[in-house]
Protein backbone atom coordinates (compact mmCIF):
# COMPACT_ATOMS: atom_id res chain seq x y z
CA MET A 1 0.00 0.03 -0.05
CA GLY A 2 2.98 2.39 0.49
CA ASN A 3 3.46 4.74 3.38
CA MET A 4 0.73 5.47 5.79
CA VAL A 5 0.50 8.90 7.67
CA ALA A 6 -1.83 9.45 10.60
CA ILE A 7 -2.82 12.91 11.80
CA VAL A 8 -3.52 12.96 15.57
CA GLY A 9 -4.06 15.52 18.31
CA ARG A 10 -6.56 16.87 20.67
CA PRO A 11 -9.96 18.11 19.31
CA ASN A 12 -10.24 21.31 17.17
CA VAL A 13 -6.61 21.81 16.33
CA GLY A 14 -7.33 21.64 12.62
CA LYS A 15 -6.64 17.92 11.73
CA SER A 16 -9.47 17.63 9.16
CA THR A 17 -8.41 20.99 7.65
CA LEU A 18 -4.93 19.64 7.19
CA PHE A 19 -6.19 16.25 5.89
CA ASN A 20 -8.29 18.08 3.15
CA ARG A 21 -5.25 20.18 2.22
CA LEU A 22 -2.96 17.17 1.95
CA VAL A 23 -5.45 15.12 -0.19
CA GLU A 24 -6.44 18.25 -2.12
CA SER A 25 -10.14 17.79 -1.54
CA ARG A 26 -12.88 18.50 1.02
CA LYS A 27 -13.41 14.85 1.90
CA ALA A 28 -13.56 15.45 5.69
CA ILE A 29 -16.14 17.64 7.23
CA VAL A 30 -14.70 20.66 9.07
CA ASN A 31 -16.73 22.32 11.78
CA GLU A 32 -15.87 24.43 14.84
CA ALA A 33 -17.69 22.03 17.06
CA ALA A 34 -15.09 19.74 18.89
CA GLY A 35 -15.70 16.05 18.11
CA THR A 36 -16.82 16.58 14.48
CA THR A 37 -14.54 13.69 13.28
CA ARG A 38 -15.25 10.34 14.92
CA ASP A 39 -13.96 7.55 12.68
CA ARG A 40 -10.73 7.12 10.91
CA HIS A 41 -10.92 8.83 7.46
CA TYR A 42 -8.57 7.75 4.63
CA GLY A 43 -7.30 9.67 1.60
CA PHE A 44 -4.35 9.75 -0.78
CA ALA A 45 -1.74 12.42 -1.20
CA GLN A 46 1.41 12.98 -3.26
CA TRP A 47 4.39 15.29 -2.97
CA ASN A 48 7.19 15.51 -5.46
CA GLY A 49 6.26 12.27 -7.06
CA CYS A 50 5.96 10.34 -3.73
CA GLU A 51 2.49 9.04 -3.01
CA PHE A 52 1.24 8.11 0.46
CA SER A 53 -1.94 7.48 2.41
CA VAL A 54 -3.25 9.82 5.02
CA ILE A 55 -5.51 9.00 7.92
CA ASP A 56 -7.67 11.74 9.62
CA THR A 57 -8.67 10.92 13.22
CA GLY A 58 -11.04 12.20 15.87
CA GLY A 59 -9.59 14.42 18.62
CA TRP A 60 -8.14 12.48 21.56
CA VAL A 61 -10.05 13.39 24.67
CA GLU A 62 -10.00 12.23 28.34
CA GLY A 63 -12.53 12.71 31.06
CA SER A 64 -15.06 14.53 28.78
CA ASP A 65 -18.93 14.15 28.76
CA ASP A 66 -18.79 12.99 25.12
CA VAL A 67 -20.58 9.50 24.85
CA PHE A 68 -18.28 8.69 21.99
CA GLU A 69 -14.99 9.33 23.90
CA GLU A 70 -13.95 5.76 24.33
CA ALA A 71 -14.89 4.73 20.85
CA ILE A 72 -13.13 7.77 19.26
CA ASN A 73 -9.93 7.12 21.28
CA LYS A 74 -9.95 3.51 20.18
CA GLN A 75 -10.16 4.60 16.58
CA VAL A 76 -7.26 7.02 17.17
CA GLN A 77 -5.19 4.19 18.70
CA LEU A 78 -5.93 1.96 15.69
CA ALA A 79 -4.76 4.73 13.37
CA ILE A 80 -1.55 5.16 15.51
CA ASP A 81 -0.90 1.45 15.30
CA GLU A 82 -1.53 1.34 11.45
CA ALA A 83 0.59 4.33 10.59
CA ASP A 84 4.28 4.52 9.45
CA VAL A 85 4.61 8.24 10.32
CA LEU A 86 2.64 10.31 12.79
CA LEU A 87 1.78 14.03 12.50
CA PHE A 88 1.03 15.40 15.89
CA LEU A 89 -1.01 18.55 15.45
CA VAL A 90 -1.14 21.32 18.07
CA ASP A 91 -2.74 24.79 18.07
CA VAL A 92 -0.14 27.64 18.16
CA VAL A 93 -2.84 30.15 19.04
CA HIS A 94 -3.98 28.42 22.33
CA GLY A 95 -0.47 27.10 23.24
CA ILE A 96 0.27 23.95 25.17
CA THR A 97 -2.71 22.45 26.94
CA ASP A 98 -2.86 19.60 29.47
CA LEU A 99 -4.43 17.44 26.83
CA ASP A 100 -1.54 18.19 24.43
CA GLN A 101 0.93 17.06 27.10
CA LYS A 102 -1.03 13.78 27.60
CA VAL A 103 -1.05 13.07 23.91
CA ALA A 104 2.66 14.04 23.58
CA SER A 105 3.45 11.66 26.48
CA ARG A 106 1.88 8.71 24.60
CA LEU A 107 3.67 9.63 21.33
CA ARG A 108 7.08 9.96 23.05
CA ARG A 109 6.87 6.27 23.84
CA LEU A 110 6.46 5.55 20.15
CA ASN A 111 9.18 7.90 18.88
CA ASP A 112 11.72 5.15 18.67
CA GLN A 113 9.31 2.81 16.67
CA ARG A 114 8.21 5.34 13.99
CA PRO A 115 8.85 9.09 13.25
CA VAL A 116 6.59 11.57 15.00
CA LEU A 117 6.49 15.01 13.41
CA LEU A 118 5.25 17.90 15.64
CA VAL A 119 3.14 20.37 13.62
CA ALA A 120 2.19 23.68 15.08
CA ASN A 121 -0.99 24.69 13.20
CA LYS A 122 -2.86 27.96 12.89
CA ALA A 123 0.35 29.97 12.35
CA ASP A 124 -1.60 32.05 9.90
CA ASN A 125 1.14 34.88 9.97
CA TYR A 126 4.77 35.25 10.90
CA GLU A 127 4.10 36.82 14.23
CA ILE A 128 1.76 34.01 15.34
CA GLY A 129 4.21 31.44 13.95
CA MET A 130 6.89 32.68 16.29
CA ASN A 131 4.88 31.24 19.17
CA ALA A 132 5.45 27.68 17.80
CA ALA A 133 8.86 27.46 19.57
CA GLU A 134 7.21 26.81 22.93
CA PHE A 135 5.99 23.44 21.78
CA TYR A 136 9.61 22.26 21.81
CA LYS A 137 8.97 21.56 25.47
CA LEU A 138 6.80 18.63 24.44
CA GLY A 139 9.92 16.61 23.83
CA LEU A 140 9.16 15.70 20.15
CA GLY A 141 11.74 17.82 18.47
CA ASP A 142 11.34 21.17 16.53
CA PRO A 143 7.75 22.00 15.69
CA VAL A 144 6.92 22.77 12.02
CA PRO A 145 4.72 25.88 11.88
CA ILE A 146 1.95 25.75 9.30
CA SER A 147 -1.42 27.11 8.52
CA ALA A 148 -3.65 24.39 7.26
CA ILE A 149 -6.27 26.91 6.32
CA ASN A 150 -4.07 29.01 3.98
CA GLY A 151 -1.43 26.50 3.25
CA SER A 152 1.62 28.37 4.44
CA GLY A 153 4.36 26.09 5.71
CA THR A 154 2.72 22.90 4.35
CA GLY A 155 5.51 22.64 1.69
CA ASP A 156 8.21 22.49 4.39
CA LEU A 157 6.05 19.96 6.33
CA LEU A 158 5.72 17.80 3.20
CA ASP A 159 9.43 17.94 2.50
CA LYS A 160 10.18 16.78 6.01
CA LEU A 161 7.41 14.13 5.87
CA VAL A 162 8.53 12.39 2.62
CA SER A 163 12.11 12.37 3.80
CA THR A 164 11.03 10.04 6.61
CA PHE A 165 9.65 7.42 4.19
CA ASN A 166 11.68 4.25 3.68
CA ASN A 167 10.73 4.16 0.06
CA THR A 168 8.60 5.78 -2.52
CA GLU A 169 6.34 2.83 -3.10
CA ASN A 170 3.10 4.02 -4.68
CA PRO A 171 -0.35 2.67 -3.96
CA GLU A 172 -1.12 -0.04 -6.46
CA LYS A 173 -4.31 1.61 -7.66
CA GLU A 174 -5.59 5.06 -7.22
CA LEU A 175 -8.91 5.69 -5.48
CA GLU A 176 -10.65 6.61 -8.69
CA GLU A 177 -9.70 3.40 -10.34
CA LEU A 178 -11.18 1.02 -7.80
CA PRO A 179 -14.90 0.10 -7.77
CA ARG A 180 -16.92 1.70 -4.95
CA TYR A 181 -19.58 -0.14 -3.17
CA THR A 182 -21.45 2.47 -1.18
CA ILE A 183 -23.68 1.54 1.84
CA VAL A 184 -26.71 3.79 2.21
CA GLY A 185 -29.90 3.94 4.20
CA ARG A 186 -31.73 5.76 7.01
CA PRO A 187 -29.92 6.46 10.32
CA ASN A 188 -29.20 3.43 12.52
CA ALA A 189 -30.05 0.86 9.88
CA GLY A 190 -26.75 -0.90 10.43
CA LYS A 191 -24.52 0.39 7.70
CA SER A 192 -21.34 0.60 9.84
CA SER A 193 -22.03 -2.79 11.40
CA LEU A 194 -22.25 -4.40 7.91
CA ILE A 195 -18.81 -3.08 6.93
CA ASN A 196 -17.27 -4.16 10.22
CA ALA A 197 -18.73 -7.58 9.62
CA PHE A 198 -17.37 -7.62 6.10
CA ILE A 199 -13.70 -6.79 7.09
CA GLY A 200 -13.67 -8.57 10.44
CA GLU A 201 -12.64 -5.57 12.53
CA GLU A 202 -14.17 -2.50 14.22
CA ARG A 203 -13.30 -0.12 11.45
CA HIS A 204 -16.18 2.11 12.10
CA ILE A 205 -17.78 3.28 15.38
CA VAL A 206 -21.12 1.56 16.01
CA THR A 207 -23.67 2.72 18.61
CA ASP A 208 -27.42 2.69 18.99
CA ILE A 209 -27.34 6.48 18.53
CA ALA A 210 -28.74 7.65 15.19
CA GLY A 211 -26.23 9.87 13.43
CA THR A 212 -23.03 8.20 14.79
CA THR A 213 -21.47 8.22 11.30
CA ARG A 214 -20.93 11.76 10.01
CA ASP A 215 -18.63 11.50 6.99
CA SER A 216 -18.45 9.15 3.99
CA LEU A 217 -15.70 6.66 4.98
CA TYR A 218 -13.68 4.70 2.54
CA THR A 219 -12.42 1.26 3.50
CA ARG A 220 -10.19 -0.60 1.04
CA PHE A 221 -11.07 -4.34 0.86
CA ASN A 222 -10.07 -7.38 -1.07
CA LYS A 223 -12.22 -10.43 -1.50
CA PHE A 224 -12.07 -13.36 -3.95
CA GLY A 225 -9.23 -11.69 -5.67
CA PHE A 226 -10.98 -8.36 -6.28
CA ASP A 227 -9.84 -5.00 -4.91
CA PHE A 228 -12.56 -2.41 -4.14
CA TYR A 229 -13.75 0.17 -1.69
CA LEU A 230 -16.58 -0.16 0.81
CA VAL A 231 -18.03 3.28 1.55
CA ASP A 232 -19.88 3.86 4.78
CA THR A 233 -22.20 6.90 4.75
CA ALA A 234 -24.21 8.99 7.18
CA GLY A 235 -27.87 8.12 7.53
CA ILE A 236 -30.13 10.04 5.18
CA ARG A 237 -33.15 11.54 6.91
CA LYS A 238 -36.08 13.61 5.41
CA LYS A 239 -35.05 17.30 4.81
CA SER A 240 -37.68 18.40 7.26
CA LYS A 241 -35.91 16.47 10.03
CA VAL A 242 -32.44 17.85 9.34
CA THR A 243 -32.07 20.78 11.70
CA GLU A 244 -28.24 21.07 12.27
CA ASP A 245 -25.81 22.38 9.82
CA LEU A 246 -23.35 19.41 10.65
CA GLU A 247 -26.03 16.85 9.83
CA TYR A 248 -26.97 18.79 6.65
CA TYR A 249 -23.29 18.47 5.42
CA SER A 250 -23.26 14.76 6.43
CA VAL A 251 -26.39 14.07 4.34
CA MET A 252 -24.90 16.03 1.38
CA ARG A 253 -21.80 13.85 1.56
CA SER A 254 -23.92 10.74 1.52
CA ILE A 255 -25.81 11.89 -1.58
CA ARG A 256 -22.52 12.74 -3.30
CA SER A 257 -21.25 9.25 -2.38
CA ILE A 258 -24.26 7.76 -4.17
CA GLU A 259 -23.40 9.80 -7.27
CA ASN A 260 -19.90 8.59 -7.21
CA ALA A 261 -20.77 4.98 -6.44
CA ASP A 262 -20.55 2.00 -8.79
CA VAL A 263 -23.03 -0.10 -6.76
CA CYS A 264 -25.16 0.97 -3.78
CA ILE A 265 -26.17 -1.38 -0.97
CA LEU A 266 -29.40 -0.07 0.48
CA MET A 267 -29.88 -1.12 4.15
CA ILE A 268 -33.45 -1.62 5.42
CA ASP A 269 -34.23 -1.96 9.11
CA ALA A 270 -36.33 -5.12 9.31
CA THR A 271 -37.83 -4.01 12.63
CA ARG A 272 -39.34 -0.96 10.97
CA GLY A 273 -40.10 -2.26 7.53
CA ILE A 274 -39.98 -0.24 4.27
CA GLU A 275 -40.73 3.34 4.96
CA SER A 276 -41.18 6.29 2.73
CA GLN A 277 -37.54 7.51 3.26
CA ASP A 278 -36.30 4.09 2.12
CA MET A 279 -38.19 4.66 -1.11
CA ASN A 280 -36.81 8.15 -1.44
CA ILE A 281 -33.21 6.77 -1.09
CA PHE A 282 -34.08 3.95 -3.57
CA SER A 283 -35.25 6.65 -6.13
CA LEU A 284 -32.09 8.62 -5.55
CA VAL A 285 -30.00 5.50 -6.45
CA GLN A 286 -32.24 4.82 -9.44
CA LYS A 287 -32.10 8.43 -10.60
CA ASN A 288 -28.28 8.18 -10.68
CA LYS A 289 -28.42 4.91 -12.62
CA LYS A 290 -26.40 2.91 -10.01
CA GLY A 291 -26.32 -0.79 -9.46
CA LEU A 292 -28.51 -1.74 -6.35
CA VAL A 293 -28.47 -4.45 -3.79
CA VAL A 294 -31.21 -4.30 -1.14
CA CYS A 295 -29.98 -5.71 2.19
CA VAL A 296 -32.62 -6.28 5.02
CA ASN A 297 -30.85 -5.99 8.37
CA LYS A 298 -31.76 -6.83 11.95
CA TRP A 299 -33.82 -9.84 10.89
CA ASP A 300 -32.80 -11.56 14.16
CA LEU A 301 -34.90 -8.95 15.96
CA VAL A 302 -38.14 -9.75 14.00
CA GLU A 303 -40.43 -11.93 16.01
CA ASN A 304 -42.74 -12.98 13.25
CA LYS A 305 -40.36 -14.03 10.45
CA SER A 306 -42.98 -14.72 7.80
CA THR A 307 -41.47 -14.02 4.45
CA GLU A 308 -44.89 -13.58 2.75
CA ALA A 309 -45.59 -10.20 1.24
């Protein structure tokens, strides 16, 4: 697969903004609300002819009231274990926080196993960038000041990043060249659980809370000699029920994933039957002329398992 780079850090330091800049797209939703990113999010980047994979992660938190804290931290740890190089992102405007120090302590223990690059984000001008020096106290070397939002300093960061790679092996196939099987449906229909079952690991966070998945998440998978992508999406609710901006963007990403799919797997919740929103999603798939597989989930929870119409 080539080199794998994970972006880690506490919430709201700009990890998804940097991810989007590195992969040159807006694949990850960016919002001022802490905890916007929950699952691992993968993309491809290249610099001076060297291609590599990038993982966006949720913000590492401890002792918060976020019900997803444990699940998010588990996803972050999985990304750390998977990565060849770690980008530890900090916020030069707010300075060193207790949480920065806790994350740094974890990463220092890994520094002899894989490179850890300290990246001081939000250095939007020279004066602010001068404050990056204080992060040297974290014990992870010289910080690289950047502004993920305007791109300043990212060239220096990429030069330093690719110099840590053992080779310049490229991914065998680009994202656009692989078939995409996109899982769609209403919230809490079991889309993430299906992908976890396919790949045999907890790739995506699964809870009983509707709206757990926010982004469209790509998982590369190989089965029966075929290489393809499984795409998890946020649940699509009726427009009248979408009240938050963050959910609106999540739904728009899901619709875009349908447009970019080769085949859609429509998840139906057997405990609720076929509802009008299921038909709306079906129509959206049909309108975009995509292949369709209908998957009826939660059949084990149905008491009367009659298959008659």
